[in-house]
Structures are given as structure tokens and as C-alpha cells.
């Protein structure tokens, strides 16, 4: 009976939804939106890397760019489960090795939350059963990908965040899906440090831009 239900689900998915891998565009051979071949390849690459206080798993190249775009912009929320699986080991290792006290996902503004229906970072943390604290995004910023210039991006997120968390003397981990210019997390760090002393703040992202590393 379970095999029959699985067959029905597969047939309905093929009829009503796109049934192609978000990575290679081949027909899917498993649940989720990443085929087994791509999942295996991505898992081999899923080790912790860092540049200074920025930690990440992947470079923000074409494959990861499409995965994250499908996840948060193209109605493939179920990709969150695969992404959580891919980062789980390295992410939990980071929390342990850095003795993290507080985890804060980068918030999205209310308008985008209403459009998307979920915060893509919080959803992954929920899947991983990781406790986190929220700060508020109080400014409806423009999409960062529409701006190439770092100064534009910095101005876009200036005064965009508000926090009333008591975080003095804490080791904090900010979590985002991608870091391209670093302007967003830098704005959050500035906001946190305004009212909290002696904070040790690190950043984790699923992917990071090679341009950010090279700067």
C-alpha cells in the first residue's frame, strides 16, 4: 500500500509540478528537488570553510545560485530539507568548536515574508532543531542582487535592523543563506554592538561569493 501511495505522489507531482532537479535539471529520482547524483556530489563538497570570521560551505557559483533561488524564490520550499541535510554536520561542528551562545538568523522584511511565506534561514534552523533568537528588519530594503556597487548595498541596509536582545559577553553566530558583499551582516553586527559590549560575532552562510573572499 505504501508503494502504491508513493507511486500516486510521483505521478501527481509529474503532472502538476516541475519534476526536474534544481541542480542539473534532470528528471528527479528521489523525494525532494535534488537528484541522488547531485546530492551525493554536493555532500562530498559540504565541508566547513572560512575567511576570517565568515564561515561557509559552498562558493556562490551557478549550481548553488540556482538551488537557493529555487528554494526561496520559485516555490520549492521542500529544498530546505535537502539544504539542511547538506549543511548539518559542518554547521553543528561550527557551533561546537566556537562555543556559540546565541544564534541569530538574518531576518527578511515583512513584505518579503508575506510574499514568500517563510524565512528561508529560519526554516532550515527549524528543520535542524536549532534554537535561535530573532532580531527585527524594520526597513523594506531593495533586493541586493539589483545592486552591483558595495556602497549602494551598504546604504540599502543602513539602519535596516533593530535588536533589543541582551547579548553582552556572548559568542554570537549570524546565519544567512548567502553572503555576497557582506553589507547585510555588517549592518546587523553594527546594530548589535551599539547596545552590547564585548560581543564575539561570527557569520555562517550556506554559500559565499568568491568576490567577497578576494576583496
Protein backbone atom coordinates (compact mmCIF):
# COMPACT_ATOMS: atom_id res chain seq x y z
CA UNK A 1 0.00 0.00 0.00
CA UNK A 2 2.82 2.42 0.87
CA UNK A 3 4.46 1.72 -2.51
CA UNK A 4 1.16 2.50 -4.24
CA UNK A 5 0.82 5.81 -2.36
CA UNK A 6 4.38 6.68 -3.32
CA UNK A 7 3.57 5.96 -6.98
CA UNK A 8 0.47 8.19 -6.81
CA UNK A 9 2.51 11.03 -5.28
CA UNK A 10 5.11 10.71 -8.00
CA UNK A 11 2.50 10.73 -10.76
CA UNK A 12 0.69 13.77 -9.31
CA UNK A 13 3.95 15.63 -8.90
CA UNK A 14 4.93 14.97 -12.50
CA UNK A 15 1.52 16.15 -13.72
CA UNK A 16 1.14 19.31 -11.65
CA UNK A 17 4.68 20.36 -10.74
CA UNK A 18 8.11 20.64 -12.31
CA UNK A 19 9.87 17.33 -11.70
CA UNK A 20 13.43 18.34 -12.55
CA UNK A 21 16.48 18.51 -10.31
CA UNK A 22 17.22 22.06 -9.17
CA UNK A 23 20.91 21.43 -9.76
CA UNK A 24 21.24 19.59 -13.09
CA UNK A 25 17.65 19.81 -14.46
CA UNK A 26 17.47 16.04 -15.00
CA UNK A 27 14.29 14.17 -14.02
CA UNK A 28 14.26 13.57 -10.27
CA UNK A 29 14.86 10.05 -8.96
CA UNK A 30 14.11 10.76 -5.28
CA UNK A 31 11.92 12.85 -2.99
CA UNK A 32 12.94 16.49 -2.72
CA UNK A 33 14.25 18.65 -5.52
CA UNK A 34 17.84 17.41 -5.86
CA UNK A 35 18.56 14.16 -7.70
CA UNK A 36 20.62 11.47 -5.99
CA UNK A 37 23.69 12.08 -8.16
CA UNK A 38 23.77 15.82 -7.40
CA UNK A 39 23.00 15.27 -3.72
CA UNK A 40 25.94 12.87 -3.43
CA UNK A 41 28.25 15.32 -5.19
CA UNK A 42 27.13 18.27 -3.05
CA UNK A 43 27.53 16.22 0.12
CA UNK A 44 31.17 15.49 -0.77
CA UNK A 45 31.76 19.24 -1.06
CA UNK A 46 29.94 20.13 2.16
CA UNK A 47 32.86 20.80 4.50
CA UNK A 48 33.36 23.91 6.61
CA UNK A 49 35.46 26.69 5.14
CA UNK A 50 36.21 30.17 6.45
CA UNK A 51 37.71 33.52 5.68
CA UNK A 52 38.25 35.41 8.92
CA UNK A 53 35.03 35.33 10.95
CA UNK A 54 32.95 34.28 7.93
CA UNK A 55 32.24 30.54 7.73
CA UNK A 56 30.56 28.85 4.78
CA UNK A 57 30.02 25.55 2.97
CA UNK A 58 29.89 26.41 -0.74
CA UNK A 59 31.04 29.09 -3.12
CA UNK A 60 28.18 31.08 -4.59
CA UNK A 61 28.60 29.66 -8.07
CA UNK A 62 25.98 28.75 -10.66
CA UNK A 63 24.81 25.46 -9.12
CA UNK A 64 24.31 26.84 -5.62
CA UNK A 65 22.84 30.06 -7.00
CA UNK A 66 20.11 28.06 -8.76
CA UNK A 67 19.45 25.87 -5.72
CA UNK A 68 18.97 28.84 -3.42
CA UNK A 69 16.90 30.72 -6.00
CA UNK A 70 14.61 27.69 -6.43
CA UNK A 71 14.35 27.34 -2.65
CA UNK A 72 13.35 30.86 -1.71
CA UNK A 73 12.00 32.39 -4.92
CA UNK A 74 10.47 29.60 -7.02
CA UNK A 75 8.11 27.83 -4.65
CA UNK A 76 10.39 24.94 -3.78
CA UNK A 77 10.32 25.21 0.00
CA UNK A 78 10.95 21.46 0.28
CA UNK A 79 14.51 22.16 -0.86
CA UNK A 80 15.07 23.38 2.68
CA UNK A 81 15.21 19.75 3.85
CA UNK A 82 17.96 18.88 1.39
CA UNK A 83 19.91 22.05 2.20
CA UNK A 84 19.58 21.32 5.93
CA UNK A 85 20.89 17.80 5.32
CA UNK A 86 23.85 19.11 3.30
CA UNK A 87 25.00 21.68 5.90
CA UNK A 88 24.03 19.85 9.10
CA UNK A 89 27.34 18.23 10.03
CA UNK A 90 29.54 21.25 9.30
CA UNK A 91 27.11 23.73 10.85
CA UNK A 92 26.79 21.82 14.11
CA UNK A 93 30.57 21.37 14.19
CA UNK A 94 30.99 25.16 13.95
CA UNK A 95 28.56 25.80 16.81
CA UNK A 96 30.51 23.39 19.00
CA UNK A 97 34.05 24.44 18.08
CA UNK A 98 33.31 28.16 18.50
CA UNK A 99 31.29 27.68 21.72
CA UNK A 100 28.40 29.69 20.28
CA UNK A 101 25.94 31.07 22.85
CA UNK A 102 23.37 32.72 20.59
CA UNK A 103 22.28 32.03 17.02
CA UNK A 104 20.53 34.78 15.04
CA UNK A 105 19.13 34.22 11.54
CA UNK A 106 19.18 37.20 9.21
CA UNK A 107 15.58 38.47 9.11
CA UNK A 108 13.62 39.33 5.99
CA UNK A 109 11.24 42.28 5.87
CA UNK A 110 7.50 41.90 6.38
CA UNK A 111 6.64 42.49 2.74
CA UNK A 112 9.02 39.75 1.56
CA UNK A 113 7.89 37.41 4.32
CA UNK A 114 4.30 37.84 3.19
CA UNK A 115 5.23 37.20 -0.45
CA UNK A 116 7.44 34.20 0.25
CA UNK A 117 5.52 32.76 3.19
CA UNK A 118 8.63 31.84 5.20
CA UNK A 119 12.09 32.98 6.23
CA UNK A 120 14.42 30.68 4.34
CA UNK A 121 17.10 30.69 7.05
CA UNK A 122 14.72 30.14 9.97
CA UNK A 123 13.10 27.23 8.15
CA UNK A 124 16.43 25.41 7.82
CA UNK A 125 17.22 26.06 11.50
CA UNK A 126 13.79 24.68 12.41
CA UNK A 127 14.48 21.52 10.41
CA UNK A 128 17.82 21.13 12.22
CA UNK A 129 16.07 21.80 15.57
CA UNK A 130 18.49 24.62 16.31
CA UNK A 131 17.32 27.21 18.84
CA UNK A 132 17.63 30.79 17.65
CA UNK A 133 16.73 34.36 18.58
CA UNK A 134 15.17 36.91 16.28
CA UNK A 135 16.05 40.48 15.54
CA UNK A 136 13.76 42.73 13.51
CA UNK A 137 14.16 44.05 9.99
CA UNK A 138 12.49 47.46 10.17
CA UNK A 139 13.22 48.72 6.68
CA UNK A 140 11.81 47.36 3.41
CA UNK A 141 15.11 47.17 1.57
CA UNK A 142 15.53 46.61 -2.14
CA UNK A 143 16.78 43.27 -3.47
CA UNK A 144 20.55 43.25 -3.07
CA UNK A 145 21.09 41.44 -6.38
CA UNK A 146 19.83 44.57 -8.17
CA UNK A 147 22.88 46.49 -6.91
CA UNK A 148 26.44 45.79 -8.03
CA UNK A 149 28.13 48.56 -6.06
CA UNK A 150 29.07 47.84 -2.42
CA UNK A 151 28.30 51.40 -1.33
CA UNK A 152 24.78 51.10 -2.75
CA UNK A 153 24.27 47.83 -0.89
CA UNK A 154 25.61 49.32 2.33
CA UNK A 155 23.26 52.29 2.08
CA UNK A 156 20.36 49.97 1.25
CA UNK A 157 20.66 48.10 4.56
CA UNK A 158 21.78 51.03 6.70
CA UNK A 159 19.57 51.28 9.81
CA UNK A 160 17.55 48.33 8.46
CA UNK A 161 17.73 46.24 11.65
CA UNK A 162 16.67 46.61 15.25
CA UNK A 163 17.55 44.43 18.23
CA UNK A 164 16.61 44.54 21.90
CA UNK A 165 18.47 41.32 22.74
CA UNK A 166 20.84 41.41 25.70
CA UNK A 167 24.00 39.98 24.16
CA UNK A 168 26.92 41.47 26.08
CA UNK A 169 29.75 38.96 26.63
CA UNK A 170 28.12 36.47 24.28
CA UNK A 171 29.51 34.48 21.37
CA UNK A 172 27.07 35.09 18.56
CA UNK A 173 26.57 33.37 15.22
CA UNK A 174 24.67 35.22 12.48
CA UNK A 175 23.21 32.83 9.92
CA UNK A 176 22.33 33.69 6.32
CA UNK A 177 21.80 31.75 3.11
CA UNK A 178 24.35 33.70 1.06
CA UNK A 179 26.98 36.37 1.63
CA UNK A 180 27.80 38.39 -1.47
CA UNK A 181 29.14 41.79 -0.38
CA UNK A 182 28.80 41.34 3.40
CA UNK A 183 26.80 44.59 3.70
CA UNK A 184 23.77 42.96 5.33
CA UNK A 185 25.60 41.14 8.12
CA UNK A 186 27.88 44.14 8.69
CA UNK A 187 24.77 46.28 9.30
CA UNK A 188 23.45 43.70 11.78
CA UNK A 189 26.79 43.50 13.59
CA UNK A 190 26.84 47.28 13.90
CA UNK A 191 23.32 47.26 15.37
CA UNK A 192 24.16 44.55 17.90
CA UNK A 193 27.37 46.24 19.02
CA UNK A 194 25.57 49.55 19.64
CA UNK A 195 23.97 48.26 22.83
CA UNK A 196 26.08 45.24 23.74
CA UNK A 197 29.66 45.13 24.99
CA UNK A 198 32.34 42.51 24.46
CA UNK A 199 30.49 40.53 21.80
CA UNK A 200 32.25 37.94 19.65
CA UNK A 201 30.26 37.78 16.39
CA UNK A 202 30.82 35.25 13.64
CA UNK A 203 28.87 34.65 10.43
CA UNK A 204 27.76 31.40 8.83
CA UNK A 205 26.26 31.16 5.34
CA UNK A 206 25.40 28.28 3.06
CA UNK A 207 27.36 29.99 0.30
CA UNK A 208 29.71 32.94 -0.12
CA UNK A 209 30.74 34.97 -3.14
CA UNK A 210 34.26 34.45 -4.43
CA UNK A 211 34.45 38.24 -4.90
CA UNK A 212 33.85 38.72 -1.16
CA UNK A 213 36.71 36.34 -0.33
CA UNK A 214 39.01 38.06 -2.80
CA UNK A 215 38.39 41.61 -1.58
